[in-house]
Amino acid sequence: MFQPKSVLETITKTMKAKGAMTVDGLVAASGLTVHQVMQGMTLLRRDGVKIKAVRTSWGDSPCRWQLAN
């Protein structure tokens, strides 16, 4: 089981390396569970890390997420 700090580090490292990703893509690339990813993204936002939604085309679903600079 991952500790919260390592979950946050894994999410940010994966998002920096891969760019815009769906939650499913982030789960597959990071080895975390969907719950850990969703909880981790919430914690990152609370810590002031900017995560933005990106649509690659109109009506693109599900949405991709990336770290905002």
Protein backbone atom coordinates (compact mmCIF):
# COMPACT_ATOMS: atom_id res chain seq x y z
CA MET A 1 0.00 0.00 0.00
CA PHE A 2 1.33 3.42 -0.95
CA GLN A 3 1.73 6.15 1.63
CA PRO A 4 -0.09 9.43 0.77
CA LYS A 5 3.18 11.32 0.18
CA SER A 6 4.45 8.71 -2.26
CA VAL A 7 1.03 8.67 -3.98
CA LEU A 8 1.29 12.43 -4.57
CA GLU A 9 4.88 12.13 -5.80
CA THR A 10 3.90 9.28 -8.14
CA ILE A 11 0.98 11.26 -9.59
CA THR A 12 3.01 14.44 -10.18
CA LYS A 13 5.98 12.52 -11.62
CA THR A 14 3.71 10.56 -13.99
CA MET A 15 1.78 13.67 -15.10
CA LYS A 16 4.99 15.62 -15.72
CA ALA A 17 6.43 12.79 -17.80
CA LYS A 18 3.33 11.98 -19.84
CA GLY A 19 1.49 15.31 -20.17
CA ALA A 20 -2.31 15.31 -20.44
CA MET A 21 -3.82 12.01 -19.32
CA THR A 22 -7.20 10.51 -18.55
CA VAL A 23 -7.72 9.14 -15.06
CA ASP A 24 -7.65 5.62 -16.55
CA GLY A 25 -4.37 6.42 -18.29
CA LEU A 26 -2.91 7.78 -15.08
CA VAL A 27 -3.99 4.65 -13.20
CA ALA A 28 -2.38 2.41 -15.85
CA ALA A 29 0.86 4.42 -16.02
CA SER A 30 1.33 4.93 -12.27
CA GLY A 31 0.23 1.56 -10.88
CA LEU A 32 -2.06 3.31 -8.39
CA THR A 33 -5.75 2.55 -7.90
CA VAL A 34 -8.50 4.84 -9.24
CA HIS A 35 -9.33 5.79 -5.64
CA GLN A 36 -5.70 6.73 -4.91
CA VAL A 37 -5.49 8.83 -8.09
CA MET A 38 -8.74 10.72 -7.41
CA GLN A 39 -7.87 11.26 -3.75
CA GLY A 40 -4.33 12.28 -4.68
CA MET A 41 -5.51 14.83 -7.25
CA THR A 42 -7.83 16.32 -4.61
CA LEU A 43 -4.96 16.56 -2.12
CA LEU A 44 -2.66 18.13 -4.73
CA ARG A 45 -5.27 20.79 -5.48
CA ARG A 46 -5.68 21.48 -1.78
CA ASP A 47 -1.91 21.94 -1.53
CA GLY A 48 -2.10 24.56 -4.29
CA VAL A 49 -0.90 22.42 -7.22
CA LYS A 50 -2.79 23.51 -10.32
CA ILE A 51 -4.35 20.68 -12.32
CA LYS A 52 -6.38 21.63 -15.35
CA ALA A 53 -8.83 19.81 -17.57
CA VAL A 54 -7.82 19.54 -21.21
CA ARG A 55 -10.09 18.58 -24.09
CA THR A 56 -8.22 17.30 -27.11
CA SER A 57 -11.29 17.71 -29.31
CA TRP A 58 -14.81 18.98 -28.82
CA GLY A 59 -16.92 16.37 -27.08
CA ASP A 60 -13.82 14.42 -26.09
CA SER A 61 -14.73 12.26 -23.16
CA PRO A 62 -13.38 11.36 -20.73
CA CYS A 63 -11.50 14.53 -20.01
CA ARG A 64 -7.71 14.56 -19.81
CA TRP A 65 -5.91 16.22 -16.92
CA GLN A 66 -2.52 17.86 -16.78
CA LEU A 67 -0.45 19.93 -14.41
CA ALA A 68 -0.87 23.62 -15.12
CA ASN A 69 2.34 25.64 -15.21
